[in-house]
């Protein structure tokens, strides 16, 4: 698929330099960069599936379990 996009001159120049340094074509560089961006910022299917599965769990039915979960989450590093 061919497409045309507008990018700032400084980004273009840096991309050209990187393509040359890494021995990649401009198309390969932009494809790789866009693919990485999508992987980082796109919807994560695993996370979405887990969220959907967990949404059906009624945490409020067990007050002790709900309190223990909140306590464990508060102590964990994200």
PDB file of N, CA and C in Angstrom:
ATOM      1  N   UNK A   1       0.852  -1.177   0.000  1.00  0.00           N
ATOM      2  CA  UNK A   1       0.000   0.000   0.000  1.00  0.00           C
ATOM      3  C   UNK A   1       0.889   1.228   0.000  1.00  0.00           C
ATOM      4  N   UNK A   2       0.608   2.120  -0.880  1.00  0.00           N
ATOM      5  CA  UNK A   2       1.334   3.381  -0.913  1.00  0.00           C
ATOM      6  C   UNK A   2       0.455   4.457  -0.299  1.00  0.00           C
ATOM      7  N   UNK A   3       1.106   5.370   0.426  1.00  0.00           N
ATOM      8  CA  UNK A   3       0.388   6.468   1.041  1.00  0.00           C
ATOM      9  C   UNK A   3       1.304   7.682   1.104  1.00  0.00           C
ATOM     10  N   UNK A   4       0.729   8.841   1.243  1.00  0.00           N
ATOM     11  CA  UNK A   4       1.504  10.067   1.383  1.00  0.00           C
ATOM     12  C   UNK A   4       1.163  10.696   2.729  1.00  0.00           C
ATOM     13  N   UNK A   5       2.196  11.097   3.446  1.00  0.00           N
ATOM     14  CA  UNK A   5       2.010  11.754   4.737  1.00  0.00           C
ATOM     15  C   UNK A   5       2.909  12.976   4.796  1.00  0.00           C
ATOM     16  N   UNK A   6       2.555  13.912   5.642  1.00  0.00           N
ATOM     17  CA  UNK A   6       3.386  15.093   5.865  1.00  0.00           C
ATOM     18  C   UNK A   6       4.038  14.974   7.226  1.00  0.00           C
ATOM     19  N   UNK A   7       5.354  15.167   7.258  1.00  0.00           N
ATOM     20  CA  UNK A   7       6.084  15.138   8.522  1.00  0.00           C
ATOM     21  C   UNK A   7       7.010  16.346   8.563  1.00  0.00           C
ATOM     22  N   UNK A   8       7.352  16.795   9.765  1.00  0.00           N
ATOM     23  CA  UNK A   8       8.257  17.949   9.873  1.00  0.00           C
ATOM     24  C   UNK A   8       9.622  17.646   9.244  1.00  0.00           C
ATOM     25  N   UNK A   9      10.251  18.681   8.721  1.00  0.00           N
ATOM     26  CA  UNK A   9      11.543  18.523   8.053  1.00  0.00           C
ATOM     27  C   UNK A   9      12.597  17.873   8.943  1.00  0.00           C
ATOM     28  N   UNK A  10      12.653  18.269  10.219  1.00  0.00           N
ATOM     29  CA  UNK A  10      13.681  17.710  11.096  1.00  0.00           C
ATOM     30  C   UNK A  10      13.462  16.217  11.346  1.00  0.00           C
ATOM     31  N   UNK A  11      12.218  15.791  11.453  1.00  0.00           N
ATOM     32  CA  UNK A  11      11.916  14.368  11.631  1.00  0.00           C
ATOM     33  C   UNK A  11      12.312  13.608  10.373  1.00  0.00           C
ATOM     34  N   UNK A  12      12.024  14.178   9.225  1.00  0.00           N
ATOM     35  CA  UNK A  12      12.389  13.543   7.955  1.00  0.00           C
ATOM     36  C   UNK A  12      13.902  13.360   7.858  1.00  0.00           C
ATOM     37  N   UNK A  13      14.649  14.414   8.167  1.00  0.00           N
ATOM     38  CA  UNK A  13      16.111  14.340   8.074  1.00  0.00           C
ATOM     39  C   UNK A  13      16.673  13.282   9.025  1.00  0.00           C
ATOM     40  N   UNK A  14      16.143  13.252  10.254  1.00  0.00           N
ATOM     41  CA  UNK A  14      16.621  12.264  11.229  1.00  0.00           C
ATOM     42  C   UNK A  14      16.269  10.844  10.782  1.00  0.00           C
ATOM     43  N   UNK A  15      15.100  10.692  10.186  1.00  0.00           N
ATOM     44  CA  UNK A  15      14.693   9.379   9.691  1.00  0.00           C
ATOM     45  C   UNK A  15      15.590   8.934   8.541  1.00  0.00           C
ATOM     46  N   UNK A  16      15.918   9.850   7.657  1.00  0.00           N
ATOM     47  CA  UNK A  16      16.820   9.526   6.548  1.00  0.00           C
ATOM     48  C   UNK A  16      18.185   9.083   7.064  1.00  0.00           C
ATOM     49  N   UNK A  17      18.693   9.790   8.073  1.00  0.00           N
ATOM     50  CA  UNK A  17      19.982   9.428   8.657  1.00  0.00           C
ATOM     51  C   UNK A  17      19.919   8.046   9.290  1.00  0.00           C
ATOM     52  N   UNK A  18      18.845   7.778  10.027  1.00  0.00           N
ATOM     53  CA  UNK A  18      18.700   6.484  10.687  1.00  0.00           C
ATOM     54  C   UNK A  18      18.569   5.361   9.670  1.00  0.00           C
ATOM     55  N   UNK A  19      17.822   5.595   8.614  1.00  0.00           N
ATOM     56  CA  UNK A  19      17.677   4.579   7.568  1.00  0.00           C
ATOM     57  C   UNK A  19      19.039   4.239   6.977  1.00  0.00           C
ATOM     58  N   UNK A  20      19.833   5.254   6.722  1.00  0.00           N
ATOM     59  CA  UNK A  20      21.168   5.020   6.150  1.00  0.00           C
ATOM     60  C   UNK A  20      22.072   4.291   7.150  1.00  0.00           C
ATOM     61  N   UNK A  21      22.045   4.726   8.417  1.00  0.00           N
ATOM     62  CA  UNK A  21      22.891   4.111   9.446  1.00  0.00           C
ATOM     63  C   UNK A  21      22.537   2.639   9.678  1.00  0.00           C
ATOM     64  N   UNK A  22      21.275   2.322   9.556  1.00  0.00           N
ATOM     65  CA  UNK A  22      20.822   0.954   9.840  1.00  0.00           C
ATOM     66  C   UNK A  22      20.672   0.121   8.572  1.00  0.00           C
ATOM     67  N   UNK A  23      21.069   0.713   7.445  1.00  0.00           N
ATOM     68  CA  UNK A  23      21.024   0.018   6.161  1.00  0.00           C
ATOM     69  C   UNK A  23      19.618  -0.494   5.822  1.00  0.00           C
ATOM     70  N   UNK A  24      18.645   0.373   6.044  1.00  0.00           N
ATOM     71  CA  UNK A  24      17.255   0.043   5.717  1.00  0.00           C
ATOM     72  C   UNK A  24      16.735   1.046   4.699  1.00  0.00           C
ATOM     73  N   UNK A  25      15.758   0.617   3.937  1.00  0.00           N
ATOM     74  CA  UNK A  25      15.096   1.556   3.034  1.00  0.00           C
ATOM     75  C   UNK A  25      14.201   2.470   3.864  1.00  0.00           C
ATOM     76  N   UNK A  26      13.846   3.573   3.286  1.00  0.00           N
ATOM     77  CA  UNK A  26      12.918   4.494   3.949  1.00  0.00           C
ATOM     78  C   UNK A  26      11.607   3.787   4.248  1.00  0.00           C
ATOM     79  N   UNK A  27      11.107   3.018   3.310  1.00  0.00           N
ATOM     80  CA  UNK A  27       9.844   2.287   3.519  1.00  0.00           C
ATOM     81  C   UNK A  27       9.957   1.313   4.687  1.00  0.00           C
ATOM     82  N   UNK A  28      11.081   0.590   4.749  1.00  0.00           N
ATOM     83  CA  UNK A  28      11.281  -0.376   5.847  1.00  0.00           C
ATOM     84  C   UNK A  28      11.332   0.348   7.186  1.00  0.00           C
ATOM     85  N   UNK A  29      12.041   1.491   7.236  1.00  0.00           N
ATOM     86  CA  UNK A  29      12.152   2.261   8.471  1.00  0.00           C
ATOM     87  C   UNK A  29      10.778   2.732   8.948  1.00  0.00           C
ATOM     88  N   UNK A  30       9.993   3.308   8.052  1.00  0.00           N
ATOM     89  CA  UNK A  30       8.672   3.811   8.438  1.00  0.00           C
ATOM     90  C   UNK A  30       7.729   2.664   8.797  1.00  0.00           C
ATOM     91  N   UNK A  31       7.836   1.543   8.096  1.00  0.00           N
ATOM     92  CA  UNK A  31       7.011   0.373   8.421  1.00  0.00           C
ATOM     93  C   UNK A  31       7.356  -0.143   9.809  1.00  0.00           C
ATOM     94  N   UNK A  32       8.649  -0.271  10.093  1.00  0.00           N
ATOM     95  CA  UNK A  32       9.087  -0.742  11.407  1.00  0.00           C
ATOM     96  C   UNK A  32       8.634   0.227  12.511  1.00  0.00           C
ATOM     97  N   UNK A  33       8.823   1.515  12.273  1.00  0.00           N
ATOM     98  CA  UNK A  33       8.471   2.518  13.279  1.00  0.00           C
ATOM     99  C   UNK A  33       6.966   2.517  13.564  1.00  0.00           C
ATOM    100  N   UNK A  34       6.166   2.463  12.521  1.00  0.00           N
ATOM    101  CA  UNK A  34       4.718   2.463  12.702  1.00  0.00           C
ATOM    102  C   UNK A  34       4.247   1.174  13.363  1.00  0.00           C
ATOM    103  N   UNK A  35       4.855   0.055  12.987  1.00  0.00           N
ATOM    104  CA  UNK A  35       4.518  -1.213  13.623  1.00  0.00           C
ATOM    105  C   UNK A  35       4.813  -1.199  15.115  1.00  0.00           C
ATOM    106  N   UNK A  36       5.969  -0.635  15.479  1.00  0.00           N
ATOM    107  CA  UNK A  36       6.325  -0.544  16.900  1.00  0.00           C
ATOM    108  C   UNK A  36       5.360   0.377  17.642  1.00  0.00           C
ATOM    109  N   UNK A  37       4.991   1.490  17.030  1.00  0.00           N
ATOM    110  CA  UNK A  37       4.050   2.415  17.660  1.00  0.00           C
ATOM    111  C   UNK A  37       2.698   1.741  17.903  1.00  0.00           C
ATOM    112  N   UNK A  38       2.229   1.017  16.919  1.00  0.00           N
ATOM    113  CA  UNK A  38       0.952   0.309  17.051  1.00  0.00           C
ATOM    114  C   UNK A  38       1.033  -0.739  18.160  1.00  0.00           C
ATOM    115  N   UNK A  39       2.141  -1.460  18.226  1.00  0.00           N
ATOM    116  CA  UNK A  39       2.310  -2.481  19.260  1.00  0.00           C
ATOM    117  C   UNK A  39       2.299  -1.860  20.653  1.00  0.00           C
ATOM    118  N   UNK A  40       2.882  -0.692  20.789  1.00  0.00           N
ATOM    119  CA  UNK A  40       2.940  -0.029  22.096  1.00  0.00           C
ATOM    120  C   UNK A  40       1.627   0.629  22.488  1.00  0.00           C
ATOM    121  N   UNK A  41       0.926   1.175  21.528  1.00  0.00           N
ATOM    122  CA  UNK A  41      -0.241   1.999  21.841  1.00  0.00           C
ATOM    123  C   UNK A  41      -1.571   1.400  21.418  1.00  0.00           C
ATOM    124  N   UNK A  42      -1.536   0.326  20.676  1.00  0.00           N
ATOM    125  CA  UNK A  42      -2.773  -0.304  20.224  1.00  0.00           C
ATOM    126  C   UNK A  42      -3.427  -1.094  21.341  1.00  0.00           C
ATOM    127  N   UNK A  43      -4.625  -1.514  21.101  1.00  0.00           N
ATOM    128  CA  UNK A  43      -5.345  -2.320  22.073  1.00  0.00           C
ATOM    129  C   UNK A  43      -4.664  -3.668  22.216  1.00  0.00           C
ATOM    130  N   UNK A  44      -4.363  -4.035  23.429  1.00  0.00           N
ATOM    131  CA  UNK A  44      -3.740  -5.323  23.718  1.00  0.00           C
ATOM    132  C   UNK A  44      -4.848  -6.355  23.879  1.00  0.00           C
ATOM    133  N   UNK A  45      -4.888  -7.321  23.003  1.00  0.00           N
ATOM    134  CA  UNK A  45      -5.954  -8.319  23.007  1.00  0.00           C
ATOM    135  C   UNK A  45      -5.987  -9.117  24.304  1.00  0.00           C
ATOM    136  N   UNK A  46      -4.823  -9.420  24.874  1.00  0.00           N
ATOM    137  CA  UNK A  46      -4.790 -10.181  26.120  1.00  0.00           C
ATOM    138  C   UNK A  46      -5.382  -9.357  27.255  1.00  0.00           C
ATOM    139  N   UNK A  47      -4.961  -8.092  27.357  1.00  0.00           N
ATOM    140  CA  UNK A  47      -5.489  -7.223  28.403  1.00  0.00           C
ATOM    141  C   UNK A  47      -6.988  -7.026  28.238  1.00  0.00           C
ATOM    142  N   UNK A  48      -7.429  -6.828  27.020  1.00  0.00           N
ATOM    143  CA  UNK A  48      -8.854  -6.656  26.766  1.00  0.00           C
ATOM    144  C   UNK A  48      -9.625  -7.900  27.190  1.00  0.00           C
ATOM    145  N   UNK A  49      -9.127  -9.058  26.840  1.00  0.00           N
ATOM    146  CA  UNK A  49      -9.785 -10.302  27.222  1.00  0.00           C
ATOM    147  C   UNK A  49      -9.842 -10.485  28.724  1.00  0.00           C
ATOM    148  N   UNK A  50      -8.744 -10.191  29.411  1.00  0.00           N
ATOM    149  CA  UNK A  50      -8.718 -10.304  30.871  1.00  0.00           C
ATOM    150  C   UNK A  50      -9.700  -9.329  31.506  1.00  0.00           C
ATOM    151  N   UNK A  51      -9.726  -8.102  31.007  1.00  0.00           N
ATOM    152  CA  UNK A  51     -10.658  -7.114  31.549  1.00  0.00           C
ATOM    153  C   UNK A  51     -12.102  -7.553  31.361  1.00  0.00           C
ATOM    154  N   UNK A  52     -12.414  -8.122  30.218  1.00  0.00           N
ATOM    155  CA  UNK A  52     -13.772  -8.605  29.968  1.00  0.00           C
ATOM    156  C   UNK A  52     -14.122  -9.754  30.902  1.00  0.00           C
ATOM    157  N   UNK A  53     -13.176 -10.669  31.110  1.00  0.00           N
ATOM    158  CA  UNK A  53     -13.423 -11.806  31.996  1.00  0.00           C
ATOM    159  C   UNK A  53     -13.598 -11.337  33.435  1.00  0.00           C
ATOM    160  N   UNK A  54     -12.762 -10.410  33.858  1.00  0.00           N
ATOM    161  CA  UNK A  54     -12.830  -9.937  35.241  1.00  0.00           C
ATOM    162  C   UNK A  54     -14.047  -9.052  35.503  1.00  0.00           C
ATOM    163  N   UNK A  55     -14.570  -8.437  34.469  1.00  0.00           N
ATOM    164  CA  UNK A  55     -15.746  -7.580  34.638  1.00  0.00           C
ATOM    165  C   UNK A  55     -16.948  -8.383  35.122  1.00  0.00           C
ATOM    166  N   UNK A  56     -16.978  -9.677  34.823  1.00  0.00           N
ATOM    167  CA  UNK A  56     -18.098 -10.513  35.229  1.00  0.00           C
ATOM    168  C   UNK A  56     -18.002 -11.034  36.644  1.00  0.00           C
ATOM    169  N   UNK A  57     -16.889 -10.777  37.319  1.00  0.00           N
ATOM    170  CA  UNK A  57     -16.707 -11.266  38.684  1.00  0.00           C
ATOM    171  C   UNK A  57     -17.300 -10.254  39.655  1.00  0.00           C
ATOM    172  N   UNK A  58     -18.146 -10.727  40.552  1.00  0.00           N
ATOM    173  CA  UNK A  58     -18.778  -9.858  41.543  1.00  0.00           C
ATOM    174  C   UNK A  58     -17.909  -9.819  42.787  1.00  0.00           C
ATOM    175  N   UNK A  59     -17.012  -8.842  42.842  1.00  0.00           N
ATOM    176  CA  UNK A  59     -16.082  -8.711  43.958  1.00  0.00           C
ATOM    177  C   UNK A  59     -16.794  -8.304  45.244  1.00  0.00           C
ATOM    178  N   UNK A  60     -17.916  -7.633  45.116  1.00  0.00           N
ATOM    179  CA  UNK A  60     -18.623  -7.131  46.287  1.00  0.00           C
ATOM    180  C   UNK A  60     -19.301  -8.211  47.114  1.00  0.00           C
ATOM    181  N   UNK A  61     -19.421  -9.410  46.622  1.00  0.00           N
ATOM    182  CA  UNK A  61     -20.131 -10.451  47.355  1.00  0.00           C
ATOM    183  C   UNK A  61     -19.312 -10.999  48.519  1.00  0.00           C
ATOM    184  N   UNK A  62     -18.000 -10.762  48.547  1.00  0.00           N
ATOM    185  CA  UNK A  62     -17.150 -11.229  49.638  1.00  0.00           C
ATOM    186  C   UNK A  62     -16.341 -10.040  50.143  1.00  0.00           C
ATOM    187  N   UNK A  63     -16.789  -9.418  51.219  1.00  0.00           N
ATOM    188  CA  UNK A  63     -16.165  -8.201  51.738  1.00  0.00           C
ATOM    189  C   UNK A  63     -14.711  -8.446  52.135  1.00  0.00           C
ATOM    190  N   UNK A  64     -14.419  -9.600  52.741  1.00  0.00           N
ATOM    191  CA  UNK A  64     -13.042  -9.900  53.141  1.00  0.00           C
ATOM    192  C   UNK A  64     -12.130 -10.001  51.929  1.00  0.00           C
ATOM    193  N   UNK A  65     -12.585 -10.713  50.903  1.00  0.00           N
ATOM    194  CA  UNK A  65     -11.789 -10.875  49.693  1.00  0.00           C
ATOM    195  C   UNK A  65     -11.564  -9.531  49.003  1.00  0.00           C
ATOM    196  N   UNK A  66     -12.584  -8.720  48.943  1.00  0.00           N
ATOM    197  CA  UNK A  66     -12.456  -7.398  48.321  1.00  0.00           C
ATOM    198  C   UNK A  66     -11.432  -6.555  49.073  1.00  0.00           C
ATOM    199  N   UNK A  67     -11.483  -6.591  50.398  1.00  0.00           N
ATOM    200  CA  UNK A  67     -10.542  -5.829  51.214  1.00  0.00           C
ATOM    201  C   UNK A  67      -9.117  -6.348  51.030  1.00  0.00           C
ATOM    202  N   UNK A  68      -8.950  -7.673  50.995  1.00  0.00           N
ATOM    203  CA  UNK A  68      -7.634  -8.266  50.800  1.00  0.00           C
ATOM    204  C   UNK A  68      -7.070  -7.905  49.428  1.00  0.00           C
ATOM    205  N   UNK A  69      -7.910  -7.910  48.422  1.00  0.00           N
ATOM    206  CA  UNK A  69      -7.468  -7.538  47.066  1.00  0.00           C
ATOM    207  C   UNK A  69      -6.995  -6.097  47.021  1.00  0.00           C
ATOM    208  N   UNK A  70      -7.755  -5.192  47.625  1.00  0.00           N
ATOM    209  CA  UNK A  70      -7.372  -3.782  47.641  1.00  0.00           C
ATOM    210  C   UNK A  70      -6.057  -3.601  48.382  1.00  0.00           C
ATOM    211  N   UNK A  71      -5.886  -4.293  49.486  1.00  0.00           N
ATOM    212  CA  UNK A  71      -4.660  -4.199  50.272  1.00  0.00           C
ATOM    213  C   UNK A  71      -3.461  -4.714  49.465  1.00  0.00           C
ATOM    214  N   UNK A  72      -3.628  -5.842  48.785  1.00  0.00           N
ATOM    215  CA  UNK A  72      -2.542  -6.408  47.986  1.00  0.00           C
ATOM    216  C   UNK A  72      -2.167  -5.477  46.836  1.00  0.00           C
ATOM    217  N   UNK A  73      -3.160  -4.893  46.191  1.00  0.00           N
ATOM    218  CA  UNK A  73      -2.892  -3.983  45.078  1.00  0.00           C
ATOM    219  C   UNK A  73      -2.182  -2.720  45.563  1.00  0.00           C
ATOM    220  N   UNK A  74      -2.559  -2.239  46.720  1.00  0.00           N
ATOM    221  CA  UNK A  74      -1.940  -1.028  47.262  1.00  0.00           C
ATOM    222  C   UNK A  74      -0.445  -1.255  47.560  1.00  0.00           C
ATOM    223  N   UNK A  75      -0.077  -2.469  47.905  1.00  0.00           N
ATOM    224  CA  UNK A  75       1.302  -2.780  48.274  1.00  0.00           C
ATOM    225  C   UNK A  75       2.171  -3.157  47.065  1.00  0.00           C
ATOM    226  N   UNK A  76       1.554  -3.433  45.924  1.00  0.00           N
ATOM    227  CA  UNK A  76       2.328  -3.891  44.773  1.00  0.00           C
ATOM    228  C   UNK A  76       2.826  -2.718  43.938  1.00  0.00           C
ATOM    229  N   UNK A  77       3.995  -2.930  43.268  1.00  0.00           N
ATOM    230  CA  UNK A  77       4.558  -1.927  42.374  1.00  0.00           C
ATOM    231  C   UNK A  77       3.970  -2.109  40.980  1.00  0.00           C
ATOM    232  N   UNK A  78       3.671  -1.008  40.333  1.00  0.00           N
ATOM    233  CA  UNK A  78       3.121  -1.072  38.973  1.00  0.00           C
ATOM    234  C   UNK A  78       4.184  -0.676  38.032  1.00  0.00           C
TER     235      UNK A  78
END
